[in-house]
C-alpha cells in the first residue's frame, strides 16, 4: 500500500485507482496530442481561417495557392495565394525563393512566412514574405499543421526564438 507523507495526522493510505494515485503516476507524461485530419486542402484552409491567425513578422501562416504566376526575372516562381485570416482569406501575390528546388501547384495548402509588413502599401500588397513549405491537411493540437515538404533553401538561417 502506498502512503501520502504530507499529512499532519501521520501517513494516510492512498487507495489504488483514486484521483490522488492517478495524479502521482500520470503527471510526468505528456498527453497524446489530438490529430485532426481533413479531407482536402480547401477544408483545411477553412479551418485555418477559423483559427484566427495574426499577421506577425516571422509567422508562418497557412495559405491556399490560387494560381501560378510563372517564373520571375530573378529565378523565383510567383503565385497568387489566399492567406488565412478571420475574414475567410486575404489574396496576395507571393513567391518561392530562387534557390528552392521545388514549388507548389494551384490548389496546394502552403505555409506563408511573413518577412515584413509594409503599412505604407495598399492592403493587398502589405504582407511581404515567401512560400516556405507545403502543408498536409492534418492539424496536431499544440503543434500546428504538419509539413509535407519544405521550399526553404538550406542556406536560409532559421530564427531562434527564446
N, C-alpha and C. Protein backbone atom coordinates (compact mmCIF):
# COMPACT_ATOMS: atom_id res chain seq x y z
N UNK A 1 0.84 -1.18 0.00
CA UNK A 1 0.00 0.00 0.00
C UNK A 1 0.88 1.24 0.00
N UNK A 2 0.50 2.25 -0.78
CA UNK A 2 1.24 3.50 -0.84
C UNK A 2 0.74 4.44 0.25
N UNK A 3 1.62 5.33 0.68
CA UNK A 3 1.26 6.29 1.71
C UNK A 3 1.58 7.70 1.26
N UNK A 4 0.75 8.61 1.73
CA UNK A 4 0.97 10.03 1.50
C UNK A 4 1.73 10.55 2.70
N UNK A 5 2.79 11.32 2.50
CA UNK A 5 3.65 11.74 3.59
C UNK A 5 3.36 13.15 4.10
N UNK A 6 2.53 13.91 3.42
CA UNK A 6 2.34 15.32 3.80
C UNK A 6 1.07 15.55 4.61
N UNK A 7 0.73 14.65 5.50
CA UNK A 7 -0.47 14.80 6.31
C UNK A 7 -0.08 15.17 7.75
N UNK A 8 -0.80 16.09 8.36
CA UNK A 8 -0.49 16.43 9.77
C UNK A 8 -0.86 15.28 10.72
N UNK A 9 -1.61 14.31 10.24
CA UNK A 9 -2.06 13.20 11.08
C UNK A 9 -1.21 11.95 10.88
N UNK A 10 -0.07 12.10 10.28
CA UNK A 10 0.77 10.94 10.02
C UNK A 10 0.60 10.50 8.58
N UNK A 11 0.94 9.26 8.32
CA UNK A 11 0.84 8.74 6.97
C UNK A 11 -0.55 8.19 6.72
N UNK A 12 -1.19 8.70 5.65
CA UNK A 12 -2.53 8.25 5.28
C UNK A 12 -2.44 7.41 4.02
N UNK A 13 -3.19 6.34 3.94
CA UNK A 13 -3.11 5.49 2.75
C UNK A 13 -3.77 6.14 1.53
N UNK A 14 -3.23 5.83 0.35
CA UNK A 14 -3.82 6.24 -0.92
C UNK A 14 -4.35 4.97 -1.57
N UNK A 15 -5.63 4.97 -1.84
CA UNK A 15 -6.24 3.78 -2.43
C UNK A 15 -5.92 3.71 -3.92
N UNK A 16 -5.57 2.52 -4.41
CA UNK A 16 -5.29 2.38 -5.85
C UNK A 16 -6.51 2.76 -6.67
N UNK A 17 -6.29 3.50 -7.77
CA UNK A 17 -7.38 3.92 -8.64
C UNK A 17 -7.98 5.25 -8.26
N UNK A 18 -7.58 5.82 -7.12
CA UNK A 18 -8.12 7.11 -6.69
C UNK A 18 -7.50 8.23 -7.52
N UNK A 19 -8.07 9.42 -7.41
CA UNK A 19 -7.56 10.57 -8.14
C UNK A 19 -6.14 10.89 -7.72
N UNK A 20 -5.86 10.77 -6.41
CA UNK A 20 -4.51 11.05 -5.92
C UNK A 20 -3.50 10.08 -6.50
N UNK A 21 -3.86 8.80 -6.58
CA UNK A 21 -2.96 7.80 -7.14
C UNK A 21 -2.73 8.06 -8.63
N UNK A 22 -3.78 8.45 -9.34
CA UNK A 22 -3.66 8.74 -10.77
C UNK A 22 -2.76 9.94 -11.01
N UNK A 23 -2.89 10.99 -10.19
CA UNK A 23 -2.05 12.17 -10.34
C UNK A 23 -0.59 11.85 -10.05
N UNK A 24 -0.35 10.98 -9.09
CA UNK A 24 1.03 10.62 -8.75
C UNK A 24 1.71 9.88 -9.89
N UNK A 25 0.96 9.05 -10.60
CA UNK A 25 1.54 8.23 -11.65
C UNK A 25 1.57 8.94 -12.99
N UNK A 26 0.55 9.73 -13.34
CA UNK A 26 0.41 10.30 -14.68
C UNK A 26 1.09 11.65 -14.88
N UNK A 27 1.47 12.35 -13.86
CA UNK A 27 1.96 13.71 -14.05
C UNK A 27 3.24 13.82 -14.87
N UNK A 28 4.18 12.87 -14.85
CA UNK A 28 5.40 13.09 -15.64
C UNK A 28 5.21 12.95 -17.15
N UNK A 29 4.17 12.30 -17.60
CA UNK A 29 4.00 12.04 -19.02
C UNK A 29 3.05 13.04 -19.64
N UNK A 30 3.38 13.42 -20.87
CA UNK A 30 2.51 14.33 -21.61
C UNK A 30 1.35 13.54 -22.19
N UNK A 31 0.26 14.23 -22.38
CA UNK A 31 -0.89 13.61 -23.02
C UNK A 31 -0.65 13.56 -24.52
N UNK A 32 -1.21 12.57 -25.17
CA UNK A 32 -1.05 12.45 -26.61
C UNK A 32 -1.86 13.57 -27.29
N UNK A 33 -1.25 14.27 -28.25
CA UNK A 33 -1.96 15.36 -28.92
C UNK A 33 -3.09 14.84 -29.80
N UNK A 34 -4.11 15.66 -29.94
CA UNK A 34 -5.25 15.32 -30.78
C UNK A 34 -4.91 15.66 -32.23
N UNK A 35 -5.11 14.70 -33.12
CA UNK A 35 -4.78 14.88 -34.54
C UNK A 35 -6.08 15.00 -35.32
N UNK A 36 -6.22 16.11 -36.05
CA UNK A 36 -7.41 16.35 -36.87
C UNK A 36 -7.01 16.27 -38.33
N UNK A 37 -7.55 15.28 -39.05
CA UNK A 37 -7.25 15.13 -40.47
C UNK A 37 -8.44 15.62 -41.29
N UNK A 38 -8.14 16.39 -42.35
CA UNK A 38 -9.17 16.95 -43.21
C UNK A 38 -9.15 16.25 -44.57
N UNK A 39 -10.31 16.23 -45.22
CA UNK A 39 -10.44 15.51 -46.49
C UNK A 39 -9.61 16.12 -47.61
N UNK A 40 -9.61 17.46 -47.67
CA UNK A 40 -8.89 18.11 -48.75
C UNK A 40 -8.30 19.43 -48.27
N UNK A 41 -7.55 20.08 -49.14
CA UNK A 41 -6.88 21.32 -48.77
C UNK A 41 -7.86 22.47 -48.53
N UNK A 42 -8.96 22.49 -49.25
CA UNK A 42 -9.96 23.53 -49.06
C UNK A 42 -10.59 23.48 -47.68
N UNK A 43 -10.89 22.29 -47.22
CA UNK A 43 -11.46 22.13 -45.88
C UNK A 43 -10.43 22.51 -44.81
N UNK A 44 -9.18 22.15 -45.02
CA UNK A 44 -8.12 22.52 -44.07
C UNK A 44 -7.93 24.04 -44.04
N UNK A 45 -8.02 24.69 -45.20
CA UNK A 45 -7.88 26.14 -45.26
C UNK A 45 -9.04 26.83 -44.54
N UNK A 46 -10.24 26.30 -44.69
CA UNK A 46 -11.40 26.87 -43.99
C UNK A 46 -11.21 26.77 -42.47
N UNK A 47 -10.66 25.66 -42.01
CA UNK A 47 -10.37 25.50 -40.58
C UNK A 47 -9.29 26.49 -40.15
N UNK A 48 -8.26 26.68 -40.98
CA UNK A 48 -7.19 27.63 -40.66
C UNK A 48 -7.73 29.05 -40.55
N UNK A 49 -8.69 29.40 -41.39
CA UNK A 49 -9.31 30.73 -41.31
C UNK A 49 -10.06 30.92 -39.99
N UNK A 50 -10.66 29.86 -39.48
CA UNK A 50 -11.40 29.96 -38.23
C UNK A 50 -10.48 29.98 -37.01
N UNK A 51 -9.20 29.65 -37.18
CA UNK A 51 -8.24 29.66 -36.05
C UNK A 51 -7.87 31.08 -35.63
N UNK A 52 -7.98 32.05 -36.52
CA UNK A 52 -7.68 33.44 -36.17
C UNK A 52 -6.20 33.76 -36.16
N UNK A 53 -5.48 33.43 -37.22
CA UNK A 53 -4.06 33.73 -37.32
C UNK A 53 -3.85 35.24 -37.44
N UNK A 54 -2.84 35.75 -36.76
CA UNK A 54 -2.49 37.16 -36.84
C UNK A 54 -1.26 37.35 -37.72
N UNK A 55 -1.26 38.36 -38.58
CA UNK A 55 -0.08 38.61 -39.43
C UNK A 55 1.03 39.26 -38.61
N UNK A 56 1.95 38.45 -38.12
CA UNK A 56 3.09 38.93 -37.35
C UNK A 56 4.38 38.64 -38.11
N UNK A 57 5.38 39.47 -37.92
CA UNK A 57 6.67 39.26 -38.60
C UNK A 57 7.28 37.95 -38.12
N UNK A 58 7.67 37.10 -39.06
CA UNK A 58 8.25 35.80 -38.74
C UNK A 58 7.24 34.68 -38.62
N UNK A 59 5.95 35.01 -38.66
CA UNK A 59 4.91 33.99 -38.51
C UNK A 59 4.78 33.15 -39.77
N UNK A 60 4.40 31.90 -39.59
CA UNK A 60 4.10 31.00 -40.70
C UNK A 60 2.58 30.85 -40.74
N UNK A 61 1.96 31.45 -41.73
CA UNK A 61 0.50 31.49 -41.84
C UNK A 61 0.07 30.52 -42.93
N UNK A 62 -0.95 29.67 -42.67
CA UNK A 62 -1.45 28.79 -43.73
C UNK A 62 -2.06 29.60 -44.87
N UNK A 63 -1.89 29.08 -46.08
CA UNK A 63 -2.42 29.74 -47.28
C UNK A 63 -2.78 28.69 -48.31
N UNK A 64 -3.60 29.09 -49.26
CA UNK A 64 -4.02 28.21 -50.35
C UNK A 64 -3.55 28.83 -51.67
N UNK A 65 -2.85 28.07 -52.48
CA UNK A 65 -2.35 28.57 -53.77
C UNK A 65 -3.53 28.65 -54.74
N UNK A 66 -3.77 29.86 -55.29
CA UNK A 66 -4.88 30.06 -56.21
C UNK A 66 -4.46 29.92 -57.67
N UNK A 67 -3.32 30.52 -58.03
CA UNK A 67 -2.85 30.42 -59.41
C UNK A 67 -1.35 30.60 -59.49
N UNK A 68 -0.77 30.06 -60.55
CA UNK A 68 0.66 30.16 -60.81
C UNK A 68 0.90 31.41 -61.64
N UNK A 69 1.85 32.23 -61.20
CA UNK A 69 2.16 33.46 -61.92
C UNK A 69 3.36 33.33 -62.84
N UNK A 70 4.02 32.20 -62.82
CA UNK A 70 5.15 31.98 -63.70
C UNK A 70 6.49 32.26 -63.04
N UNK A 71 7.51 32.22 -63.86
CA UNK A 71 8.89 32.40 -63.41
C UNK A 71 9.24 33.88 -63.44
N UNK A 72 9.78 34.39 -62.33
CA UNK A 72 10.15 35.79 -62.24
C UNK A 72 11.52 36.07 -62.85
N UNK A 73 11.90 37.34 -62.95
CA UNK A 73 13.17 37.71 -63.59
C UNK A 73 14.42 37.24 -62.81
N UNK A 74 14.29 37.03 -61.51
CA UNK A 74 15.44 36.62 -60.70
C UNK A 74 15.46 35.11 -60.43
N UNK A 75 14.57 34.35 -61.07
CA UNK A 75 14.55 32.90 -60.89
C UNK A 75 13.56 32.40 -59.87
N UNK A 76 12.79 33.31 -59.26
CA UNK A 76 11.77 32.89 -58.30
C UNK A 76 10.47 32.60 -59.04
N UNK A 77 9.65 31.75 -58.46
CA UNK A 77 8.34 31.46 -59.04
C UNK A 77 7.29 32.23 -58.26
N UNK A 78 6.41 32.94 -58.96
CA UNK A 78 5.39 33.74 -58.30
C UNK A 78 4.05 33.01 -58.32
N UNK A 79 3.24 33.29 -57.28
CA UNK A 79 1.94 32.66 -57.11
C UNK A 79 0.98 33.65 -56.47
N UNK A 80 -0.28 33.54 -56.83
CA UNK A 80 -1.32 34.26 -56.09
C UNK A 80 -1.84 33.28 -55.06
N UNK A 81 -1.77 33.68 -53.79
CA UNK A 81 -2.20 32.81 -52.70
C UNK A 81 -3.27 33.52 -51.88
N UNK A 82 -4.04 32.74 -51.15
CA UNK A 82 -5.03 33.29 -50.22
C UNK A 82 -4.55 32.93 -48.83
N UNK A 83 -4.12 33.96 -48.08
CA UNK A 83 -3.58 33.79 -46.74
C UNK A 83 -4.73 33.73 -45.74
N UNK A 84 -4.68 32.78 -44.82
CA UNK A 84 -5.76 32.58 -43.84
C UNK A 84 -5.89 33.78 -42.91
N UNK A 85 -7.11 34.26 -42.76
CA UNK A 85 -7.44 35.25 -41.74
C UNK A 85 -8.90 35.06 -41.35
N UNK A 86 -9.35 35.79 -40.37
CA UNK A 86 -10.71 35.58 -39.85
C UNK A 86 -11.80 35.96 -40.84
N UNK A 87 -11.47 36.73 -41.88
CA UNK A 87 -12.45 37.14 -42.89
C UNK A 87 -12.57 36.13 -44.03
N UNK A 88 -11.91 34.99 -43.94
CA UNK A 88 -12.00 33.96 -44.97
C UNK A 88 -10.84 33.94 -45.92
N UNK A 89 -9.84 34.75 -45.69
CA UNK A 89 -8.65 34.74 -46.53
C UNK A 89 -8.38 36.06 -47.20
N UNK A 90 -7.11 36.35 -47.37
CA UNK A 90 -6.68 37.60 -47.99
C UNK A 90 -5.80 37.22 -49.19
N UNK A 91 -6.17 37.69 -50.37
CA UNK A 91 -5.46 37.34 -51.58
C UNK A 91 -4.23 38.24 -51.75
N UNK A 92 -3.05 37.61 -51.86
CA UNK A 92 -1.79 38.34 -52.06
C UNK A 92 -0.94 37.60 -53.09
N UNK A 93 0.01 38.32 -53.69
CA UNK A 93 0.99 37.69 -54.57
C UNK A 93 2.21 37.38 -53.75
N UNK A 94 2.76 36.19 -53.96
CA UNK A 94 3.95 35.76 -53.22
C UNK A 94 4.83 34.93 -54.15
N UNK A 95 5.93 34.44 -53.61
CA UNK A 95 6.84 33.65 -54.42
C UNK A 95 7.56 32.63 -53.56
N UNK A 96 8.20 31.70 -54.24
CA UNK A 96 9.17 30.83 -53.57
C UNK A 96 10.53 31.48 -53.80
N UNK A 97 11.49 31.16 -52.97
CA UNK A 97 12.83 31.72 -53.15
C UNK A 97 13.51 31.07 -54.35
N UNK A 98 14.42 31.80 -54.99
CA UNK A 98 15.01 31.29 -56.23
C UNK A 98 15.86 30.04 -56.02
N UNK A 99 16.39 29.82 -54.82
CA UNK A 99 17.20 28.64 -54.56
C UNK A 99 16.35 27.40 -54.29
N UNK A 100 15.05 27.57 -54.20
CA UNK A 100 14.16 26.44 -53.93
C UNK A 100 14.16 25.46 -55.09
N UNK A 101 14.24 24.18 -54.79
CA UNK A 101 14.31 23.16 -55.84
C UNK A 101 12.93 22.74 -56.36
N UNK A 102 11.91 22.86 -55.54
CA UNK A 102 10.55 22.51 -55.95
C UNK A 102 9.63 23.69 -55.70
N UNK A 103 8.41 23.58 -56.16
CA UNK A 103 7.45 24.67 -56.00
C UNK A 103 6.04 24.08 -55.91
N UNK A 104 5.09 24.84 -55.34
CA UNK A 104 3.72 24.34 -55.21
C UNK A 104 2.94 24.44 -56.51
N UNK A 105 1.80 23.78 -56.51
CA UNK A 105 0.88 23.83 -57.64
C UNK A 105 -0.42 24.50 -57.18
N UNK A 106 -1.24 24.92 -58.12
CA UNK A 106 -2.53 25.52 -57.78
C UNK A 106 -3.35 24.53 -56.97
N UNK A 107 -3.92 25.00 -55.88
CA UNK A 107 -4.73 24.15 -55.01
C UNK A 107 -3.97 23.58 -53.82
N UNK A 108 -2.65 23.78 -53.77
CA UNK A 108 -1.85 23.27 -52.65
C UNK A 108 -2.07 24.11 -51.40
N UNK A 109 -1.96 23.47 -50.25
CA UNK A 109 -2.05 24.09 -48.93
C UNK A 109 -0.62 24.36 -48.48
N UNK A 110 -0.25 25.64 -48.35
CA UNK A 110 1.14 26.00 -48.10
C UNK A 110 1.26 26.88 -46.85
N UNK A 111 2.50 27.04 -46.40
CA UNK A 111 2.80 27.94 -45.30
C UNK A 111 3.49 29.19 -45.83
N UNK A 112 2.93 30.37 -45.52
CA UNK A 112 3.46 31.66 -45.98
C UNK A 112 4.23 32.30 -44.83
N UNK A 113 5.53 32.52 -45.01
CA UNK A 113 6.38 33.13 -43.98
C UNK A 113 6.40 34.64 -44.18
N UNK A 114 5.96 35.40 -43.18
CA UNK A 114 5.93 36.85 -43.26
C UNK A 114 7.31 37.40 -42.89
N UNK A 115 7.89 38.20 -43.79
CA UNK A 115 9.18 38.82 -43.55
C UNK A 115 9.01 40.22 -42.99
N UNK A 116 8.09 40.98 -43.58
CA UNK A 116 7.81 42.32 -43.08
C UNK A 116 6.37 42.70 -43.45
N UNK A 117 5.86 43.71 -42.77
CA UNK A 117 4.52 44.22 -43.05
C UNK A 117 4.70 45.69 -43.45
N UNK A 118 4.37 45.99 -44.69
CA UNK A 118 4.53 47.35 -45.23
C UNK A 118 3.20 48.09 -45.10
N UNK A 119 3.07 48.89 -44.08
CA UNK A 119 1.81 49.60 -43.84
C UNK A 119 1.59 50.74 -44.83
N UNK A 120 2.66 51.19 -45.53
CA UNK A 120 2.52 52.27 -46.50
C UNK A 120 2.02 51.80 -47.86
N UNK A 121 1.98 50.48 -48.08
CA UNK A 121 1.49 49.93 -49.34
C UNK A 121 0.00 49.60 -49.23
N UNK A 122 -0.68 49.40 -50.38
CA UNK A 122 -2.09 49.00 -50.33
C UNK A 122 -2.26 47.68 -49.57
N UNK A 123 -3.46 47.43 -49.11
CA UNK A 123 -3.75 46.27 -48.26
C UNK A 123 -3.38 44.94 -48.91
N UNK A 124 -3.61 44.80 -50.23
CA UNK A 124 -3.31 43.53 -50.90
C UNK A 124 -1.81 43.32 -51.09
N UNK A 125 -0.99 44.35 -50.89
CA UNK A 125 0.46 44.22 -51.04
C UNK A 125 1.21 44.47 -49.72
N UNK A 126 0.49 44.55 -48.61
CA UNK A 126 1.13 44.92 -47.35
C UNK A 126 1.90 43.77 -46.70
N UNK A 127 1.52 42.53 -46.97
CA UNK A 127 2.25 41.39 -46.41
C UNK A 127 3.36 40.99 -47.37
N UNK A 128 4.59 41.09 -46.91
CA UNK A 128 5.74 40.74 -47.75
C UNK A 128 6.40 39.52 -47.13
N UNK A 129 6.52 38.47 -47.95
CA UNK A 129 7.09 37.23 -47.46
C UNK A 129 7.28 36.24 -48.59
N UNK A 130 7.38 34.97 -48.24
CA UNK A 130 7.60 33.94 -49.25
C UNK A 130 6.90 32.66 -48.83
N UNK A 131 6.70 31.78 -49.79
CA UNK A 131 6.09 30.47 -49.52
C UNK A 131 7.20 29.57 -48.99
N UNK A 132 7.09 29.18 -47.73
CA UNK A 132 8.16 28.45 -47.05
C UNK A 132 8.02 26.94 -47.14
N UNK A 133 6.77 26.43 -47.18
CA UNK A 133 6.60 24.98 -47.15
C UNK A 133 5.22 24.58 -47.65
N UNK A 134 5.09 23.31 -47.98
CA UNK A 134 3.80 22.72 -48.31
C UNK A 134 3.29 22.04 -47.05
N UNK A 135 2.03 22.26 -46.72
CA UNK A 135 1.43 21.69 -45.51
C UNK A 135 0.51 20.54 -45.85
N UNK A 136 0.44 19.57 -44.96
CA UNK A 136 -0.53 18.50 -45.08
C UNK A 136 -1.84 18.98 -44.47
N UNK A 137 -2.99 18.47 -44.91
CA UNK A 137 -4.25 18.87 -44.29
C UNK A 137 -4.47 18.10 -42.97
N UNK A 138 -3.47 18.15 -42.09
CA UNK A 138 -3.51 17.46 -40.80
C UNK A 138 -3.08 18.47 -39.74
N UNK A 139 -3.94 18.70 -38.75
CA UNK A 139 -3.65 19.64 -37.67
C UNK A 139 -3.43 18.87 -36.37
N UNK A 140 -2.30 19.11 -35.71
CA UNK A 140 -1.97 18.47 -34.44
C UNK A 140 -2.10 19.53 -33.35
N UNK A 141 -3.00 19.31 -32.38
CA UNK A 141 -3.21 20.31 -31.34
C UNK A 141 -1.93 20.51 -30.55
N UNK A 142 -1.62 21.76 -30.27
CA UNK A 142 -0.43 22.11 -29.53
C UNK A 142 0.81 22.24 -30.40
N UNK A 143 0.77 21.77 -31.64
CA UNK A 143 1.93 21.85 -32.53
C UNK A 143 1.63 22.61 -33.81
N UNK A 144 0.48 22.41 -34.41
CA UNK A 144 0.13 23.09 -35.65
C UNK A 144 -0.02 22.14 -36.82
N UNK A 145 0.10 22.69 -38.02
CA UNK A 145 -0.07 21.91 -39.25
C UNK A 145 1.19 21.12 -39.54
N UNK A 146 1.02 19.90 -40.04
CA UNK A 146 2.16 19.06 -40.42
C UNK A 146 2.75 19.55 -41.73
N UNK A 147 4.07 19.56 -41.81
CA UNK A 147 4.78 19.99 -43.01
C UNK A 147 5.01 18.79 -43.91
N UNK A 148 4.60 18.91 -45.16
CA UNK A 148 4.79 17.83 -46.13
C UNK A 148 6.12 17.99 -46.87
N UNK A 149 6.47 19.24 -47.21
CA UNK A 149 7.68 19.50 -47.99
C UNK A 149 8.13 20.93 -47.74
N UNK A 150 9.42 21.13 -47.59
CA UNK A 150 9.96 22.47 -47.37
C UNK A 150 10.40 23.07 -48.70
N UNK A 151 10.06 24.35 -48.91
CA UNK A 151 10.52 25.09 -50.08
C UNK A 151 11.64 26.06 -49.70
N UNK A 152 12.02 26.09 -48.42
CA UNK A 152 13.06 26.99 -47.95
C UNK A 152 14.43 26.38 -48.21
N UNK A 153 15.31 27.09 -48.90
CA UNK A 153 16.65 26.54 -49.17
C UNK A 153 17.45 26.32 -47.88
N UNK A 154 18.42 25.45 -47.95
CA UNK A 154 19.24 25.11 -46.78
C UNK A 154 20.09 26.29 -46.32
N UNK A 155 20.42 27.25 -47.21
CA UNK A 155 21.29 28.34 -46.83
C UNK A 155 20.57 29.47 -46.09
N UNK A 156 19.27 29.36 -45.89
CA UNK A 156 18.49 30.35 -45.14
C UNK A 156 18.56 29.96 -43.67
N UNK A 157 19.04 30.87 -42.81
CA UNK A 157 19.14 30.58 -41.39
C UNK A 157 17.76 30.69 -40.74
N UNK A 158 17.46 29.76 -39.87
CA UNK A 158 16.20 29.79 -39.15
C UNK A 158 16.32 30.72 -37.95
N UNK A 159 15.24 31.40 -37.61
CA UNK A 159 15.22 32.28 -36.44
C UNK A 159 15.27 31.44 -35.18
N UNK A 160 15.94 31.96 -34.17
CA UNK A 160 15.97 31.29 -32.87
C UNK A 160 15.05 32.07 -31.94
N UNK A 161 14.05 31.39 -31.42
CA UNK A 161 13.09 32.02 -30.50
C UNK A 161 13.37 31.52 -29.10
N UNK A 162 13.70 32.43 -28.21
CA UNK A 162 13.98 32.07 -26.82
C UNK A 162 12.84 32.43 -25.92
